[in-house]
PDB file of all heavy atoms in Angstrom:
ATOM      1  N   ASN A   1      14.466 -17.313  -2.003  1.00  0.00           N
ATOM      2  CA  ASN A   1      13.684 -16.250  -1.397  1.00  0.00           C
ATOM      3  C   ASN A   1      12.304 -16.304  -1.963  1.00  0.00           C
ATOM      4  O   ASN A   1      12.079 -16.553  -3.126  1.00  0.00           O
ATOM      5  CB  ASN A   1      14.311 -14.888  -1.682  1.00  0.00           C
ATOM      6  CG  ASN A   1      15.587 -14.674  -0.906  1.00  0.00           C
ATOM      7  OD1 ASN A   1      15.634 -14.864   0.313  1.00  0.00           O
ATOM      8  ND2 ASN A   1      16.670 -14.300  -1.584  1.00  0.00           N
ATOM      9  N   GLN A   2      11.307 -16.076  -1.107  1.00  0.00           N
ATOM     10  CA  GLN A   2       9.921 -16.176  -1.504  1.00  0.00           C
ATOM     11  C   GLN A   2       9.213 -14.814  -1.457  1.00  0.00           C
ATOM     12  O   GLN A   2       8.342 -14.523  -2.278  1.00  0.00           O
ATOM     13  CB  GLN A   2       9.165 -17.164  -0.619  1.00  0.00           C
ATOM     14  CG  GLN A   2       9.670 -18.570  -0.667  1.00  0.00           C
ATOM     15  CD  GLN A   2       9.391 -19.246  -1.982  1.00  0.00           C
ATOM     16  OE1 GLN A   2      10.294 -19.446  -2.782  1.00  0.00           O
ATOM     17  NE2 GLN A   2       8.145 -19.568  -2.238  1.00  0.00           N
ATOM     18  N   ASP A   3       9.473 -14.024  -0.424  1.00  0.00           N
ATOM     19  CA  ASP A   3       8.739 -12.775  -0.208  1.00  0.00           C
ATOM     20  C   ASP A   3       9.650 -11.786   0.503  1.00  0.00           C
ATOM     21  O   ASP A   3      10.741 -12.142   0.963  1.00  0.00           O
ATOM     22  CB  ASP A   3       7.500 -13.066   0.633  1.00  0.00           C
ATOM     23  CG  ASP A   3       6.377 -12.050   0.423  1.00  0.00           C
ATOM     24  OD1 ASP A   3       6.621 -11.025  -0.251  1.00  0.00           O
ATOM     25  OD2 ASP A   3       5.280 -12.288   0.931  1.00  0.00           O
ATOM     26  N   GLU A   4       9.187 -10.552   0.601  1.00  0.00           N
ATOM     27  CA  GLU A   4       9.889  -9.502   1.301  1.00  0.00           C
ATOM     28  C   GLU A   4       9.325  -9.366   2.720  1.00  0.00           C
ATOM     29  O   GLU A   4       8.196  -9.734   2.968  1.00  0.00           O
ATOM     30  CB  GLU A   4       9.739  -8.166   0.568  1.00  0.00           C
ATOM     31  CG  GLU A   4      10.339  -8.170  -0.820  1.00  0.00           C
ATOM     32  CD  GLU A   4      11.853  -8.313  -0.831  1.00  0.00           C
ATOM     33  OE1 GLU A   4      12.498  -7.730   0.045  1.00  0.00           O
ATOM     34  OE2 GLU A   4      12.357  -9.054  -1.705  1.00  0.00           O
ATOM     35  N   GLY A   5      10.127  -8.854   3.595  1.00  0.00           N
ATOM     36  CA  GLY A   5       9.689  -8.624   4.971  1.00  0.00           C
ATOM     37  C   GLY A   5      10.813  -8.916   5.946  1.00  0.00           C
ATOM     38  O   GLY A   5      11.915  -9.270   5.536  1.00  0.00           O
ATOM     39  N   LYS A   6      10.497  -8.778   7.236  1.00  0.00           N
ATOM     40  CA  LYS A   6      11.489  -9.029   8.254  1.00  0.00           C
ATOM     41  C   LYS A   6      11.167 -10.370   8.918  1.00  0.00           C
ATOM     42  O   LYS A   6      10.012 -10.657   9.215  1.00  0.00           O
ATOM     43  CB  LYS A   6      11.447  -7.911   9.315  1.00  0.00           C
ATOM     44  CG  LYS A   6      11.961  -6.606   8.782  1.00  0.00           C
ATOM     45  CD  LYS A   6      12.065  -5.596   9.875  1.00  0.00           C
ATOM     46  CE  LYS A   6      12.618  -4.308   9.273  1.00  0.00           C
ATOM     47  NZ  LYS A   6      13.068  -3.368  10.281  1.00  0.00           N
ATOM     48  N   PRO A   7      12.208 -11.157   9.188  1.00  0.00           N
ATOM     49  CA  PRO A   7      11.966 -12.458   9.810  1.00  0.00           C
ATOM     50  C   PRO A   7      11.452 -12.297  11.254  1.00  0.00           C
ATOM     51  O   PRO A   7      11.824 -11.379  11.979  1.00  0.00           O
ATOM     52  CB  PRO A   7      13.360 -13.112   9.859  1.00  0.00           C
ATOM     53  CG  PRO A   7      14.189 -12.334   8.895  1.00  0.00           C
ATOM     54  CD  PRO A   7      13.612 -10.951   8.828  1.00  0.00           C
ATOM     55  N   LEU A   8      10.572 -13.205  11.650  1.00  0.00           N
ATOM     56  CA  LEU A   8      10.059 -13.268  13.018  1.00  0.00           C
ATOM     57  C   LEU A   8      11.117 -13.978  13.868  1.00  0.00           C
ATOM     58  O   LEU A   8      11.536 -15.079  13.521  1.00  0.00           O
ATOM     59  CB  LEU A   8       8.759 -14.043  13.052  1.00  0.00           C
ATOM     60  CG  LEU A   8       8.097 -14.225  14.421  1.00  0.00           C
ATOM     61  CD1 LEU A   8       7.616 -12.869  14.973  1.00  0.00           C
ATOM     62  CD2 LEU A   8       6.938 -15.194  14.333  1.00  0.00           C
ATOM     63  N   THR A   9      11.509 -13.331  14.948  1.00  0.00           N
ATOM     64  CA  THR A   9      12.500 -13.946  15.837  1.00  0.00           C
ATOM     65  C   THR A   9      11.807 -14.534  17.064  1.00  0.00           C
ATOM     66  O   THR A   9      10.678 -14.166  17.390  1.00  0.00           O
ATOM     67  CB  THR A   9      13.572 -12.944  16.300  1.00  0.00           C
ATOM     68  OG1 THR A   9      12.961 -12.003  17.163  1.00  0.00           O
ATOM     69  CG2 THR A   9      14.252 -12.273  15.114  1.00  0.00           C
ATOM     70  N   TYR A  10      12.552 -15.399  17.738  1.00  0.00           N
ATOM     71  CA  TYR A  10      12.031 -15.948  18.999  1.00  0.00           C
ATOM     72  C   TYR A  10      11.858 -14.834  20.019  1.00  0.00           C
ATOM     73  O   TYR A  10      10.905 -14.840  20.819  1.00  0.00           O
ATOM     74  CB  TYR A  10      12.943 -17.038  19.539  1.00  0.00           C
ATOM     75  CG  TYR A  10      12.371 -17.753  20.722  1.00  0.00           C
ATOM     76  CD1 TYR A  10      11.191 -18.501  20.612  1.00  0.00           C
ATOM     77  CD2 TYR A  10      12.990 -17.691  21.967  1.00  0.00           C
ATOM     78  CE1 TYR A  10      10.638 -19.120  21.694  1.00  0.00           C
ATOM     79  CE2 TYR A  10      12.437 -18.304  23.080  1.00  0.00           C
ATOM     80  CZ  TYR A  10      11.271 -19.032  22.939  1.00  0.00           C
ATOM     81  OH  TYR A  10      10.715 -19.653  24.046  1.00  0.00           O
ATOM     82  N   ASN A  11      12.724 -13.830  19.998  1.00  0.00           N
ATOM     83  CA  ASN A  11      12.563 -12.673  20.891  1.00  0.00           C
ATOM     84  C   ASN A  11      11.274 -11.959  20.603  1.00  0.00           C
ATOM     85  O   ASN A  11      10.561 -11.492  21.527  1.00  0.00           O
ATOM     86  CB  ASN A  11      13.761 -11.728  20.823  1.00  0.00           C
ATOM     87  CG  ASN A  11      15.000 -12.312  21.433  1.00  0.00           C
ATOM     88  OD1 ASN A  11      14.940 -13.290  22.204  1.00  0.00           O
ATOM     89  ND2 ASN A  11      16.146 -11.771  21.127  1.00  0.00           N
ATOM     90  N   ASP A  12      10.917 -11.774  19.305  1.00  0.00           N
ATOM     91  CA  ASP A  12       9.618 -11.139  18.960  1.00  0.00           C
ATOM     92  C   ASP A  12       8.484 -11.957  19.555  1.00  0.00           C
ATOM     93  O   ASP A  12       7.545 -11.410  20.109  1.00  0.00           O
ATOM     94  CB  ASP A  12       9.436 -11.114  17.428  1.00  0.00           C
ATOM     95  CG  ASP A  12      10.391 -10.211  16.711  1.00  0.00           C
ATOM     96  OD1 ASP A  12      10.920  -9.265  17.296  1.00  0.00           O
ATOM     97  OD2 ASP A  12      10.649 -10.499  15.488  1.00  0.00           O
ATOM     98  N   TYR A  13       8.585 -13.264  19.423  1.00  0.00           N
ATOM     99  CA  TYR A  13       7.547 -14.161  19.936  1.00  0.00           C
ATOM    100  C   TYR A  13       7.399 -13.956  21.441  1.00  0.00           C
ATOM    101  O   TYR A  13       6.270 -13.765  21.935  1.00  0.00           O
ATOM    102  CB  TYR A  13       7.880 -15.615  19.637  1.00  0.00           C
ATOM    103  CG  TYR A  13       6.971 -16.623  20.279  1.00  0.00           C
ATOM    104  CD1 TYR A  13       5.694 -16.845  19.742  1.00  0.00           C
ATOM    105  CD2 TYR A  13       7.343 -17.308  21.408  1.00  0.00           C
ATOM    106  CE1 TYR A  13       4.835 -17.740  20.363  1.00  0.00           C
ATOM    107  CE2 TYR A  13       6.478 -18.192  22.005  1.00  0.00           C
ATOM    108  CZ  TYR A  13       5.241 -18.418  21.488  1.00  0.00           C
ATOM    109  OH  TYR A  13       4.379 -19.304  22.079  1.00  0.00           O
ATOM    110  N   ARG A  14       8.482 -13.965  22.165  1.00  0.00           N
ATOM    111  CA  ARG A  14       8.441 -13.799  23.617  1.00  0.00           C
ATOM    112  C   ARG A  14       7.961 -12.404  24.032  1.00  0.00           C
ATOM    113  O   ARG A  14       7.237 -12.251  24.997  1.00  0.00           O
ATOM    114  CB  ARG A  14       9.824 -14.100  24.250  1.00  0.00           C
ATOM    115  CG  ARG A  14      10.214 -15.552  24.174  1.00  0.00           C
ATOM    116  CD  ARG A  14      11.520 -15.779  24.881  1.00  0.00           C
ATOM    117  NE  ARG A  14      11.501 -15.356  26.243  1.00  0.00           N
ATOM    118  CZ  ARG A  14      10.959 -16.015  27.245  1.00  0.00           C
ATOM    119  NH1 ARG A  14      10.356 -17.170  27.024  1.00  0.00           N
ATOM    120  NH2 ARG A  14      10.976 -15.559  28.479  1.00  0.00           N
ATOM    121  N   ASP A  15       8.371 -11.380  23.263  1.00  0.00           N
ATOM    122  CA  ASP A  15       8.084  -9.981  23.647  1.00  0.00           C
ATOM    123  C   ASP A  15       6.640  -9.554  23.371  1.00  0.00           C
ATOM    124  O   ASP A  15       6.018  -8.879  24.194  1.00  0.00           O
ATOM    125  CB  ASP A  15       9.019  -8.997  22.940  1.00  0.00           C
ATOM    126  CG  ASP A  15      10.437  -9.048  23.471  1.00  0.00           C
ATOM    127  OD1 ASP A  15      10.669  -9.606  24.580  1.00  0.00           O
ATOM    128  OD2 ASP A  15      11.328  -8.499  22.819  1.00  0.00           O
ATOM    129  N   TYR A  16       6.102  -9.907  22.201  1.00  0.00           N
ATOM    130  CA  TYR A  16       4.769  -9.357  21.861  1.00  0.00           C
ATOM    131  C   TYR A  16       3.847 -10.305  21.116  1.00  0.00           C
ATOM    132  O   TYR A  16       2.654 -10.044  21.035  1.00  0.00           O
ATOM    133  CB  TYR A  16       4.924  -8.082  21.035  1.00  0.00           C
ATOM    134  CG  TYR A  16       5.500  -8.271  19.642  1.00  0.00           C
ATOM    135  CD1 TYR A  16       4.662  -8.604  18.554  1.00  0.00           C
ATOM    136  CD2 TYR A  16       6.842  -8.129  19.398  1.00  0.00           C
ATOM    137  CE1 TYR A  16       5.162  -8.799  17.286  1.00  0.00           C
ATOM    138  CE2 TYR A  16       7.368  -8.308  18.130  1.00  0.00           C
ATOM    139  CZ  TYR A  16       6.542  -8.643  17.080  1.00  0.00           C
ATOM    140  OH  TYR A  16       7.063  -8.823  15.839  1.00  0.00           O
ATOM    141  N   PHE A  17       4.344 -11.415  20.612  1.00  0.00           N
ATOM    142  CA  PHE A  17       3.539 -12.241  19.718  1.00  0.00           C
ATOM    143  C   PHE A  17       2.869 -13.414  20.430  1.00  0.00           C
ATOM    144  O   PHE A  17       1.852 -13.916  19.990  1.00  0.00           O
ATOM    145  CB  PHE A  17       4.448 -12.749  18.587  1.00  0.00           C
ATOM    146  CG  PHE A  17       3.733 -13.161  17.331  1.00  0.00           C
ATOM    147  CD1 PHE A  17       3.031 -12.258  16.585  1.00  0.00           C
ATOM    148  CD2 PHE A  17       3.839 -14.478  16.927  1.00  0.00           C
ATOM    149  CE1 PHE A  17       2.390 -12.655  15.432  1.00  0.00           C
ATOM    150  CE2 PHE A  17       3.187 -14.881  15.759  1.00  0.00           C
ATOM    151  CZ  PHE A  17       2.480 -13.987  15.006  1.00  0.00           C
ATOM    152  N   LYS A  18       3.425 -13.859  21.520  1.00  0.00           N
ATOM    153  CA  LYS A  18       2.981 -15.072  22.220  1.00  0.00           C
ATOM    154  C   LYS A  18       1.503 -15.023  22.624  1.00  0.00           C
ATOM    155  O   LYS A  18       0.795 -16.018  22.447  1.00  0.00           O
ATOM    156  CB  LYS A  18       3.878 -15.311  23.437  1.00  0.00           C
ATOM    157  CG  LYS A  18       3.593 -16.628  24.121  1.00  0.00           C
ATOM    158  CD  LYS A  18       4.603 -16.800  25.268  1.00  0.00           C
ATOM    159  CE  LYS A  18       4.429 -18.157  25.929  1.00  0.00           C
ATOM    160  NZ  LYS A  18       5.443 -18.351  27.000  1.00  0.00           N
ATOM    161  N   ASN A  19       1.068 -13.895  23.170  1.00  0.00           N
ATOM    162  CA  ASN A  19      -0.324 -13.784  23.603  1.00  0.00           C
ATOM    163  C   ASN A  19      -1.313 -13.962  22.441  1.00  0.00           C
ATOM    164  O   ASN A  19      -2.351 -14.610  22.579  1.00  0.00           O
ATOM    165  CB  ASN A  19      -0.591 -12.479  24.337  1.00  0.00           C
ATOM    166  CG  ASN A  19       0.079 -12.453  25.686  1.00  0.00           C
ATOM    167  OD1 ASN A  19       0.379 -13.495  26.294  1.00  0.00           O
ATOM    168  ND2 ASN A  19       0.333 -11.245  26.177  1.00  0.00           N
ATOM    169  N   ASP A  20      -0.973 -13.406  21.265  1.00  0.00           N
ATOM    170  CA  ASP A  20      -1.823 -13.559  20.090  1.00  0.00           C
ATOM    171  C   ASP A  20      -1.875 -15.043  19.639  1.00  0.00           C
ATOM    172  O   ASP A  20      -2.932 -15.535  19.231  1.00  0.00           O
ATOM    173  CB  ASP A  20      -1.327 -12.725  18.926  1.00  0.00           C
ATOM    174  CG  ASP A  20      -1.499 -11.224  19.165  1.00  0.00           C
ATOM    175  OD1 ASP A  20      -2.317 -10.835  20.026  1.00  0.00           O
ATOM    176  OD2 ASP A  20      -0.835 -10.433  18.486  1.00  0.00           O
ATOM    177  N   VAL A  21      -0.759 -15.701  19.744  1.00  0.00           N
ATOM    178  CA  VAL A  21      -0.685 -17.133  19.353  1.00  0.00           C
ATOM    179  C   VAL A  21      -1.533 -17.972  20.297  1.00  0.00           C
ATOM    180  O   VAL A  21      -2.310 -18.799  19.847  1.00  0.00           O
ATOM    181  CB  VAL A  21       0.800 -17.596  19.367  1.00  0.00           C
ATOM    182  CG1 VAL A  21       0.883 -19.114  19.203  1.00  0.00           C
ATOM    183  CG2 VAL A  21       1.593 -16.876  18.279  1.00  0.00           C
ATOM    184  N   ILE A  22      -1.406 -17.722  21.584  1.00  0.00           N
ATOM    185  CA  ILE A  22      -2.215 -18.455  22.567  1.00  0.00           C
ATOM    186  C   ILE A  22      -3.695 -18.211  22.363  1.00  0.00           C
ATOM    187  O   ILE A  22      -4.525 -19.153  22.385  1.00  0.00           O
ATOM    188  CB  ILE A  22      -1.769 -18.104  23.987  1.00  0.00           C
ATOM    189  CG1 ILE A  22      -0.342 -18.627  24.261  1.00  0.00           C
ATOM    190  CG2 ILE A  22      -2.751 -18.651  25.038  1.00  0.00           C
ATOM    191  CD1 ILE A  22       0.308 -18.099  25.520  1.00  0.00           C
ATOM    192  N   LYS A  23      -4.063 -16.966  22.092  1.00  0.00           N
ATOM    193  CA  LYS A  23      -5.476 -16.621  21.893  1.00  0.00           C
ATOM    194  C   LYS A  23      -6.004 -17.349  20.647  1.00  0.00           C
ATOM    195  O   LYS A  23      -7.111 -17.929  20.682  1.00  0.00           O
ATOM    196  CB  LYS A  23      -5.631 -15.098  21.703  1.00  0.00           C
ATOM    197  CG  LYS A  23      -7.050 -14.670  21.455  1.00  0.00           C
ATOM    198  CD  LYS A  23      -7.126 -13.136  21.286  1.00  0.00           C
ATOM    199  CE  LYS A  23      -8.558 -12.766  20.978  1.00  0.00           C
ATOM    200  NZ  LYS A  23      -8.660 -11.436  20.430  1.00  0.00           N
ATOM    201  N   CYS A  24      -5.254 -17.358  19.546  1.00  0.00           N
ATOM    202  CA  CYS A  24      -5.678 -18.038  18.325  1.00  0.00           C
ATOM    203  C   CYS A  24      -5.876 -19.540  18.564  1.00  0.00           C
ATOM    204  O   CYS A  24      -6.820 -20.128  18.104  1.00  0.00           O
ATOM    205  CB  CYS A  24      -4.647 -17.868  17.216  1.00  0.00           C
ATOM    206  SG  CYS A  24      -4.737 -16.296  16.371  1.00  0.00           S
ATOM    207  N   PHE A  25      -4.932 -20.114  19.299  1.00  0.00           N
ATOM    208  CA  PHE A  25      -5.037 -21.565  19.537  1.00  0.00           C
ATOM    209  C   PHE A  25      -6.215 -21.912  20.412  1.00  0.00           C
ATOM    210  O   PHE A  25      -6.925 -22.874  20.174  1.00  0.00           O
ATOM    211  CB  PHE A  25      -3.743 -22.115  20.118  1.00  0.00           C
ATOM    212  CG  PHE A  25      -3.700 -23.612  20.148  1.00  0.00           C
ATOM    213  CD1 PHE A  25      -3.584 -24.329  18.956  1.00  0.00           C
ATOM    214  CD2 PHE A  25      -3.804 -24.307  21.334  1.00  0.00           C
ATOM    215  CE1 PHE A  25      -3.569 -25.718  18.951  1.00  0.00           C
ATOM    216  CE2 PHE A  25      -3.773 -25.709  21.351  1.00  0.00           C
ATOM    217  CZ  PHE A  25      -3.667 -26.386  20.149  1.00  0.00           C
ATOM    218  N   THR A  26      -6.454 -21.076  21.427  1.00  0.00           N
ATOM    219  CA  THR A  26      -7.620 -21.297  22.304  1.00  0.00           C
ATOM    220  C   THR A  26      -8.926 -21.236  21.497  1.00  0.00           C
ATOM    221  O   THR A  26      -9.801 -22.087  21.658  1.00  0.00           O
ATOM    222  CB  THR A  26      -7.627 -20.237  23.434  1.00  0.00           C
ATOM    223  OG1 THR A  26      -6.399 -20.383  24.175  1.00  0.00           O
ATOM    224  CG2 THR A  26      -8.796 -20.438  24.375  1.00  0.00           C
TER     225      THR A  26
END
């Protein structure tokens, strides 16, 4: 274990995180 927190799931990515990822990459 390295740190505390909740794991990021693929459902999280699809639901709310994907747009931020695309924006960062652009």
